N, C-alpha and C. Protein backbone atom coordinates (compact mmCIF):
# COMPACT_ATOMS: atom_id res chain seq x y z
N MET A 1 86.42 -68.63 -174.04
CA MET A 1 86.50 -68.03 -175.35
C MET A 1 87.71 -67.10 -175.44
N PHE A 2 87.87 -66.20 -174.46
CA PHE A 2 89.00 -65.28 -174.48
C PHE A 2 90.13 -65.77 -173.59
N GLY A 3 89.94 -66.86 -172.88
CA GLY A 3 90.95 -67.38 -172.00
C GLY A 3 90.95 -66.76 -170.62
N VAL A 4 90.15 -65.71 -170.42
CA VAL A 4 90.08 -65.04 -169.14
C VAL A 4 88.60 -64.93 -168.76
N THR A 5 88.27 -65.32 -167.54
CA THR A 5 86.88 -65.15 -167.10
C THR A 5 86.75 -63.82 -166.38
N PHE A 6 85.60 -63.23 -166.49
CA PHE A 6 85.35 -61.97 -165.81
C PHE A 6 83.87 -61.89 -165.46
N TYR A 7 83.59 -61.15 -164.42
CA TYR A 7 82.22 -60.92 -163.99
C TYR A 7 82.21 -59.59 -163.23
N HIS A 8 81.50 -58.61 -163.78
CA HIS A 8 81.51 -57.27 -163.20
C HIS A 8 80.26 -56.97 -162.37
N ASN A 9 79.35 -57.91 -162.21
CA ASN A 9 78.11 -57.72 -161.45
C ASN A 9 77.22 -56.62 -162.02
N THR A 10 77.35 -56.28 -163.28
CA THR A 10 76.62 -55.14 -163.83
C THR A 10 75.11 -55.38 -163.81
N ILE A 11 74.65 -56.50 -164.31
CA ILE A 11 73.22 -56.77 -164.35
C ILE A 11 72.67 -56.89 -162.93
N ARG A 12 73.40 -57.54 -162.06
CA ARG A 12 72.97 -57.68 -160.67
C ARG A 12 72.84 -56.31 -160.01
N LYS A 13 73.76 -55.39 -160.30
CA LYS A 13 73.69 -54.05 -159.73
C LYS A 13 72.44 -53.31 -160.20
N TYR A 14 72.05 -53.50 -161.47
CA TYR A 14 70.84 -52.86 -161.96
C TYR A 14 69.59 -53.46 -161.32
N VAL A 15 69.58 -54.76 -161.06
CA VAL A 15 68.45 -55.39 -160.38
C VAL A 15 68.33 -54.84 -158.96
N VAL A 16 69.45 -54.73 -158.27
CA VAL A 16 69.44 -54.18 -156.91
C VAL A 16 68.99 -52.72 -156.93
N LEU A 17 69.44 -51.95 -157.90
CA LEU A 17 69.04 -50.55 -158.01
C LEU A 17 67.54 -50.42 -158.22
N PHE A 18 66.98 -51.25 -159.08
CA PHE A 18 65.53 -51.18 -159.33
C PHE A 18 64.76 -51.50 -158.05
N GLY A 19 65.19 -52.53 -157.33
CA GLY A 19 64.52 -52.88 -156.09
C GLY A 19 64.65 -51.79 -155.04
N THR A 20 65.79 -51.12 -155.00
CA THR A 20 66.02 -50.06 -154.03
C THR A 20 65.15 -48.83 -154.30
N LEU A 21 64.82 -48.58 -155.57
CA LEU A 21 63.97 -47.44 -155.90
C LEU A 21 62.62 -47.53 -155.20
N PHE A 22 62.07 -48.74 -155.09
CA PHE A 22 60.73 -48.92 -154.54
C PHE A 22 60.75 -49.58 -153.17
N ASN A 23 61.88 -49.52 -152.50
CA ASN A 23 62.04 -50.21 -151.22
C ASN A 23 61.40 -49.48 -150.05
N ASN A 24 61.25 -48.18 -150.13
CA ASN A 24 60.75 -47.40 -148.98
C ASN A 24 59.37 -46.83 -149.25
N ILE A 25 58.43 -47.69 -149.58
CA ILE A 25 57.06 -47.26 -149.79
C ILE A 25 56.24 -47.65 -148.56
N TYR A 26 55.58 -46.67 -147.99
CA TYR A 26 54.75 -46.86 -146.80
C TYR A 26 53.32 -46.43 -147.13
N ILE A 27 52.36 -47.10 -146.52
CA ILE A 27 50.97 -46.66 -146.65
C ILE A 27 50.40 -46.49 -145.25
N ASN A 28 49.44 -45.58 -145.14
CA ASN A 28 48.75 -45.33 -143.87
C ASN A 28 47.36 -45.94 -143.95
N ARG A 29 47.01 -46.69 -142.96
CA ARG A 29 45.63 -47.16 -142.82
C ARG A 29 44.93 -46.17 -141.91
N GLU A 30 43.72 -45.77 -142.30
CA GLU A 30 43.00 -44.74 -141.57
C GLU A 30 41.65 -45.24 -141.12
N ASP A 31 41.10 -44.61 -140.08
CA ASP A 31 39.76 -44.95 -139.65
C ASP A 31 38.76 -44.07 -140.40
N THR A 32 37.50 -44.11 -140.01
CA THR A 32 36.47 -43.36 -140.73
C THR A 32 36.61 -41.86 -140.58
N ASN A 33 37.30 -41.40 -139.54
CA ASN A 33 37.50 -39.96 -139.32
C ASN A 33 38.82 -39.47 -139.90
N ASN A 34 39.41 -40.23 -140.81
CA ASN A 34 40.70 -39.92 -141.45
C ASN A 34 41.83 -39.81 -140.44
N GLY A 35 41.69 -40.48 -139.33
CA GLY A 35 42.77 -40.53 -138.35
C GLY A 35 43.64 -41.75 -138.64
N ARG A 36 44.94 -41.54 -138.64
CA ARG A 36 45.85 -42.63 -138.98
C ARG A 36 45.83 -43.68 -137.87
N ILE A 37 45.60 -44.93 -138.27
CA ILE A 37 45.62 -46.04 -137.32
C ILE A 37 46.99 -46.67 -137.28
N VAL A 38 47.53 -47.01 -138.46
CA VAL A 38 48.81 -47.69 -138.52
C VAL A 38 49.50 -47.35 -139.83
N THR A 39 50.84 -47.31 -139.79
CA THR A 39 51.64 -47.13 -141.00
C THR A 39 52.30 -48.46 -141.32
N ILE A 40 52.16 -48.88 -142.58
CA ILE A 40 52.66 -50.18 -143.02
C ILE A 40 53.72 -49.98 -144.09
N LYS A 41 54.86 -50.63 -143.93
CA LYS A 41 55.87 -50.63 -144.98
C LYS A 41 55.52 -51.75 -145.96
N VAL A 42 55.49 -51.42 -147.23
CA VAL A 42 55.15 -52.41 -148.26
C VAL A 42 56.41 -53.19 -148.62
N PRO A 43 56.42 -54.50 -148.34
CA PRO A 43 57.61 -55.29 -148.66
C PRO A 43 57.74 -55.52 -150.16
N ILE A 44 58.97 -55.62 -150.62
CA ILE A 44 59.24 -55.87 -152.04
C ILE A 44 60.22 -57.03 -152.13
N SER A 45 60.02 -57.87 -153.13
CA SER A 45 60.91 -59.02 -153.31
C SER A 45 61.14 -59.24 -154.80
N TYR A 46 62.25 -59.88 -155.09
CA TYR A 46 62.56 -60.22 -156.48
C TYR A 46 61.92 -61.57 -156.76
N SER A 47 60.75 -61.54 -157.37
CA SER A 47 60.03 -62.77 -157.67
C SER A 47 59.06 -62.53 -158.80
N PRO A 48 58.83 -63.52 -159.64
CA PRO A 48 57.86 -63.37 -160.71
C PRO A 48 56.42 -63.31 -160.17
N LYS A 49 55.54 -62.72 -160.96
CA LYS A 49 54.14 -62.60 -160.56
C LYS A 49 53.50 -63.97 -160.36
N GLU A 50 53.87 -64.93 -161.19
CA GLU A 50 53.28 -66.26 -161.09
C GLU A 50 53.58 -66.90 -159.74
N LYS A 51 54.78 -66.67 -159.22
CA LYS A 51 55.15 -67.24 -157.92
C LYS A 51 54.30 -66.61 -156.82
N MET A 52 54.10 -65.31 -156.90
CA MET A 52 53.30 -64.63 -155.89
C MET A 52 51.85 -65.10 -155.96
N LEU A 53 51.31 -65.25 -157.17
CA LEU A 53 49.93 -65.70 -157.31
C LEU A 53 49.74 -67.14 -156.88
N SER A 54 50.73 -68.00 -157.15
CA SER A 54 50.60 -69.40 -156.74
C SER A 54 50.61 -69.53 -155.22
N ARG A 55 51.36 -68.68 -154.53
CA ARG A 55 51.34 -68.72 -153.06
C ARG A 55 49.99 -68.26 -152.53
N ILE A 56 49.39 -67.27 -153.18
CA ILE A 56 48.07 -66.81 -152.74
C ILE A 56 47.01 -67.86 -153.06
N ASP A 57 47.11 -68.52 -154.23
CA ASP A 57 46.16 -69.57 -154.58
C ASP A 57 46.26 -70.77 -153.64
N GLY A 58 47.46 -71.06 -153.18
CA GLY A 58 47.66 -72.17 -152.25
C GLY A 58 47.03 -71.93 -150.90
N ASP A 59 46.84 -70.66 -150.53
CA ASP A 59 46.21 -70.30 -149.26
C ASP A 59 45.27 -69.13 -149.52
N PRO A 60 44.05 -69.40 -150.05
CA PRO A 60 43.16 -68.30 -150.43
C PRO A 60 42.68 -67.46 -149.26
N GLU A 61 42.69 -68.01 -148.05
CA GLU A 61 42.28 -67.24 -146.88
C GLU A 61 43.41 -66.36 -146.34
N LEU A 62 44.62 -66.53 -146.89
CA LEU A 62 45.80 -65.76 -146.50
C LEU A 62 46.06 -65.86 -144.99
N LYS A 63 45.99 -67.09 -144.49
CA LYS A 63 46.22 -67.31 -143.07
C LYS A 63 47.67 -67.62 -142.74
N ARG A 64 48.46 -68.00 -143.77
CA ARG A 64 49.87 -68.25 -143.50
C ARG A 64 50.56 -66.94 -143.18
N PRO A 65 51.44 -66.92 -142.21
CA PRO A 65 52.09 -65.65 -141.86
C PRO A 65 53.12 -65.19 -142.90
N ALA A 66 53.50 -66.06 -143.86
CA ALA A 66 54.51 -65.68 -144.83
C ALA A 66 53.98 -64.69 -145.86
N ILE A 67 52.68 -64.67 -146.08
CA ILE A 67 52.10 -63.77 -147.08
C ILE A 67 51.51 -62.56 -146.36
N VAL A 68 52.03 -61.41 -146.66
CA VAL A 68 51.56 -60.16 -146.08
C VAL A 68 51.12 -59.28 -147.22
N LEU A 69 49.88 -58.85 -147.21
CA LEU A 69 49.40 -57.93 -148.22
C LEU A 69 49.19 -56.58 -147.57
N PRO A 70 49.53 -55.53 -148.22
CA PRO A 70 50.03 -55.40 -149.58
C PRO A 70 51.50 -55.78 -149.69
N ARG A 71 51.89 -56.16 -150.88
CA ARG A 71 53.30 -56.48 -151.15
C ARG A 71 53.58 -56.23 -152.63
N MET A 72 54.86 -56.09 -152.94
CA MET A 72 55.28 -55.86 -154.32
C MET A 72 56.33 -56.88 -154.69
N GLY A 73 56.37 -57.22 -155.95
CA GLY A 73 57.39 -58.11 -156.48
C GLY A 73 57.86 -57.57 -157.83
N PHE A 74 59.09 -57.83 -158.16
CA PHE A 74 59.60 -57.37 -159.46
C PHE A 74 60.50 -58.44 -160.04
N GLU A 75 60.68 -58.37 -161.34
CA GLU A 75 61.57 -59.30 -162.02
C GLU A 75 62.15 -58.66 -163.27
N LEU A 76 63.31 -59.14 -163.66
CA LEU A 76 63.93 -58.71 -164.91
C LEU A 76 63.26 -59.49 -166.02
N ARG A 77 62.52 -58.80 -166.86
CA ARG A 77 61.71 -59.46 -167.88
C ARG A 77 62.50 -59.75 -169.15
N SER A 78 63.29 -58.78 -169.59
CA SER A 78 64.03 -59.00 -170.84
C SER A 78 65.26 -58.10 -170.87
N LEU A 79 66.16 -58.48 -171.74
CA LEU A 79 67.41 -57.78 -171.97
C LEU A 79 67.53 -57.61 -173.48
N ASN A 80 67.38 -56.37 -173.97
CA ASN A 80 67.31 -56.12 -175.41
C ASN A 80 68.44 -55.21 -175.86
N TYR A 81 68.99 -55.52 -177.01
CA TYR A 81 70.00 -54.67 -177.62
C TYR A 81 69.36 -53.38 -178.08
N ALA A 82 69.94 -52.22 -177.74
CA ALA A 82 69.38 -50.90 -178.07
C ALA A 82 70.15 -50.30 -179.24
N SER A 83 69.74 -50.63 -180.44
CA SER A 83 70.47 -50.18 -181.63
C SER A 83 70.38 -48.66 -181.84
N GLU A 84 69.32 -48.00 -181.36
CA GLU A 84 69.17 -46.55 -181.57
C GLU A 84 70.17 -45.75 -180.75
N ARG A 85 70.78 -46.34 -179.74
CA ARG A 85 71.79 -45.64 -178.93
C ARG A 85 73.20 -46.11 -179.22
N LYS A 86 73.36 -46.94 -180.21
CA LYS A 86 74.66 -47.51 -180.54
C LYS A 86 75.59 -46.43 -181.07
N LEU A 87 76.82 -46.44 -180.57
CA LEU A 87 77.86 -45.55 -181.08
C LEU A 87 78.83 -46.38 -181.91
N ASN A 88 79.78 -45.74 -182.53
CA ASN A 88 80.76 -46.43 -183.35
C ASN A 88 81.57 -47.40 -182.48
N THR A 89 81.47 -48.69 -182.78
CA THR A 89 82.14 -49.69 -181.94
C THR A 89 83.63 -49.75 -182.18
N LEU A 90 84.13 -49.11 -183.22
CA LEU A 90 85.57 -49.08 -183.45
C LEU A 90 86.25 -47.94 -182.70
N GLN A 91 85.45 -47.05 -182.13
CA GLN A 91 86.01 -45.98 -181.32
C GLN A 91 86.56 -46.57 -180.03
N LYS A 92 87.72 -46.10 -179.61
CA LYS A 92 88.36 -46.64 -178.42
C LYS A 92 88.31 -45.63 -177.28
N MET A 93 88.21 -46.15 -176.06
CA MET A 93 88.30 -45.32 -174.85
C MET A 93 89.63 -45.67 -174.20
N TYR A 94 90.47 -44.67 -174.01
CA TYR A 94 91.82 -44.89 -173.48
C TYR A 94 91.87 -44.56 -171.99
N ASN A 95 92.72 -45.29 -171.27
CA ASN A 95 93.02 -44.96 -169.88
C ASN A 95 94.42 -45.47 -169.56
N ILE A 96 94.99 -44.91 -168.52
CA ILE A 96 96.35 -45.28 -168.12
C ILE A 96 96.27 -46.47 -167.17
N ASP A 97 97.14 -47.45 -167.39
CA ASP A 97 97.19 -48.64 -166.55
C ASP A 97 97.56 -48.23 -165.12
N SER A 98 96.80 -48.73 -164.14
CA SER A 98 97.04 -48.32 -162.76
C SER A 98 98.32 -48.96 -162.19
N THR A 99 98.75 -50.09 -162.73
CA THR A 99 99.96 -50.73 -162.21
C THR A 99 101.23 -50.21 -162.87
N ASP A 100 101.13 -49.84 -164.15
CA ASP A 100 102.29 -49.33 -164.87
C ASP A 100 101.86 -48.09 -165.65
N THR A 101 102.24 -46.90 -165.17
CA THR A 101 101.77 -45.66 -165.78
C THR A 101 102.34 -45.41 -167.17
N SER A 102 103.32 -46.19 -167.60
CA SER A 102 103.85 -46.01 -168.94
C SER A 102 102.99 -46.74 -169.98
N LYS A 103 102.08 -47.58 -169.52
CA LYS A 103 101.20 -48.31 -170.44
C LYS A 103 99.85 -47.61 -170.55
N ILE A 104 99.37 -47.57 -171.76
CA ILE A 104 98.04 -47.03 -172.00
C ILE A 104 97.16 -48.19 -172.44
N ARG A 105 96.07 -48.36 -171.73
CA ARG A 105 95.12 -49.44 -172.06
C ARG A 105 93.92 -48.83 -172.76
N TYR A 106 93.21 -49.64 -173.50
CA TYR A 106 92.01 -49.14 -174.16
C TYR A 106 90.94 -50.22 -174.17
N ASN A 107 89.72 -49.75 -174.27
CA ASN A 107 88.54 -50.59 -174.46
C ASN A 107 87.78 -50.03 -175.65
N TYR A 108 87.08 -50.91 -176.32
CA TYR A 108 86.19 -50.44 -177.38
C TYR A 108 84.92 -49.87 -176.76
N MET A 109 84.19 -49.10 -177.54
CA MET A 109 82.99 -48.43 -177.05
C MET A 109 81.99 -49.46 -176.52
N HIS A 110 81.26 -49.08 -175.49
CA HIS A 110 80.29 -49.96 -174.87
C HIS A 110 79.14 -50.27 -175.83
N VAL A 111 78.48 -51.38 -175.59
CA VAL A 111 77.32 -51.78 -176.37
C VAL A 111 76.08 -51.55 -175.52
N PRO A 112 75.10 -50.77 -176.02
CA PRO A 112 73.94 -50.43 -175.19
C PRO A 112 72.88 -51.54 -175.17
N TYR A 113 72.32 -51.76 -174.00
CA TYR A 113 71.22 -52.70 -173.81
C TYR A 113 70.15 -52.05 -172.96
N ASP A 114 68.91 -52.46 -173.16
CA ASP A 114 67.79 -52.03 -172.33
C ASP A 114 67.39 -53.19 -171.44
N LEU A 115 67.28 -52.94 -170.16
CA LEU A 115 66.81 -53.94 -169.20
C LEU A 115 65.37 -53.60 -168.87
N ASN A 116 64.45 -54.50 -169.15
CA ASN A 116 63.03 -54.27 -168.90
C ASN A 116 62.60 -55.02 -167.65
N PHE A 117 62.09 -54.28 -166.69
CA PHE A 117 61.62 -54.85 -165.44
C PHE A 117 60.10 -54.79 -165.39
N THR A 118 59.52 -55.70 -164.61
CA THR A 118 58.09 -55.70 -164.34
C THR A 118 57.91 -55.58 -162.83
N LEU A 119 57.06 -54.64 -162.42
CA LEU A 119 56.75 -54.45 -161.01
C LEU A 119 55.31 -54.88 -160.79
N ASN A 120 55.10 -55.83 -159.86
CA ASN A 120 53.77 -56.34 -159.55
C ASN A 120 53.38 -55.89 -158.16
N ILE A 121 52.10 -55.54 -158.00
CA ILE A 121 51.58 -55.11 -156.71
C ILE A 121 50.39 -55.99 -156.37
N ALA A 122 50.39 -56.56 -155.17
CA ALA A 122 49.26 -57.35 -154.69
C ALA A 122 48.70 -56.66 -153.45
N VAL A 123 47.39 -56.36 -153.48
CA VAL A 123 46.74 -55.68 -152.37
C VAL A 123 45.41 -56.36 -152.07
N LYS A 124 44.91 -56.17 -150.86
CA LYS A 124 43.59 -56.68 -150.50
C LYS A 124 42.48 -55.73 -150.91
N ASN A 125 42.73 -54.43 -150.78
CA ASN A 125 41.70 -53.46 -151.14
C ASN A 125 42.28 -52.40 -152.07
N ALA A 126 41.39 -51.76 -152.81
CA ALA A 126 41.81 -50.80 -153.84
C ALA A 126 42.46 -49.57 -153.26
N ASP A 127 42.06 -49.17 -152.05
CA ASP A 127 42.63 -47.97 -151.44
C ASP A 127 44.13 -48.13 -151.20
N ASP A 128 44.55 -49.31 -150.76
CA ASP A 128 45.98 -49.56 -150.58
C ASP A 128 46.71 -49.49 -151.92
N GLY A 129 46.10 -50.02 -152.96
CA GLY A 129 46.72 -50.00 -154.29
C GLY A 129 46.90 -48.60 -154.82
N THR A 130 45.90 -47.74 -154.63
CA THR A 130 46.04 -46.37 -155.13
C THR A 130 47.08 -45.58 -154.35
N ARG A 131 47.20 -45.85 -153.05
CA ARG A 131 48.23 -45.17 -152.26
C ARG A 131 49.64 -45.58 -152.72
N ILE A 132 49.79 -46.86 -153.03
CA ILE A 132 51.10 -47.34 -153.52
C ILE A 132 51.40 -46.75 -154.89
N LEU A 133 50.41 -46.75 -155.78
CA LEU A 133 50.62 -46.21 -157.14
C LEU A 133 50.98 -44.73 -157.11
N GLU A 134 50.34 -43.95 -156.25
CA GLU A 134 50.67 -42.53 -156.17
C GLU A 134 52.13 -42.32 -155.78
N GLN A 135 52.63 -43.13 -154.86
CA GLN A 135 54.04 -43.00 -154.46
C GLN A 135 54.98 -43.42 -155.58
N ILE A 136 54.59 -44.47 -156.34
CA ILE A 136 55.42 -44.92 -157.47
C ILE A 136 55.46 -43.84 -158.54
N PHE A 137 54.31 -43.23 -158.84
CA PHE A 137 54.28 -42.16 -159.84
C PHE A 137 55.11 -40.98 -159.41
N LEU A 138 55.12 -40.67 -158.11
CA LEU A 138 55.95 -39.58 -157.61
C LEU A 138 57.43 -39.90 -157.78
N ILE A 139 57.82 -41.13 -157.48
CA ILE A 139 59.22 -41.54 -157.65
C ILE A 139 59.63 -41.42 -159.11
N LEU A 140 58.79 -41.90 -160.02
CA LEU A 140 59.11 -41.82 -161.45
C LEU A 140 59.16 -40.38 -161.93
N ARG A 141 58.29 -39.53 -161.42
CA ARG A 141 58.31 -38.12 -161.80
C ARG A 141 59.58 -37.44 -161.32
N LEU A 142 60.01 -37.76 -160.09
CA LEU A 142 61.24 -37.17 -159.57
C LEU A 142 62.47 -37.63 -160.37
N LEU A 143 62.41 -38.84 -160.90
CA LEU A 143 63.51 -39.35 -161.72
C LEU A 143 63.47 -38.85 -163.16
N GLY A 144 62.35 -38.21 -163.53
CA GLY A 144 62.22 -37.70 -164.90
C GLY A 144 61.77 -38.75 -165.88
N ILE A 145 61.18 -39.84 -165.39
CA ILE A 145 60.68 -40.91 -166.26
C ILE A 145 59.20 -40.69 -166.48
N GLN A 146 58.82 -40.45 -167.73
CA GLN A 146 57.41 -40.23 -168.06
C GLN A 146 57.05 -41.10 -169.25
N ARG A 147 56.23 -42.08 -169.00
CA ARG A 147 55.74 -42.95 -170.08
C ARG A 147 54.31 -43.24 -169.88
């Protein structure tokens, strides 16, 4: 269309960032005396919920070593234009060309979009699920995200 191809990895960087936010979640399994038995890192993968459920349905006894519960999966659900954050698109942002300092280059104002992600959690027991959720809520609170 413009005669020049470009790819800035912007959407991919946001997907990686979202996965990195929830990458270091650990849960403790405890015995009846509240003594820690084992600490488990909850794996996360970029996959739709349907894929995770179909793997569990294919092996309901969960005997395959590929499925480890608890686990989390996430996916980019939608990409929506954010009209409420739109600025004047005729406004230009200027910068000096790095190869020739006598040239001034410009770009038009950015166009805002919202990326909506879905985070899925699969657990065997409710206690593991609540431990994971508490850590996710803490991460969101530290980031200032309250919904």
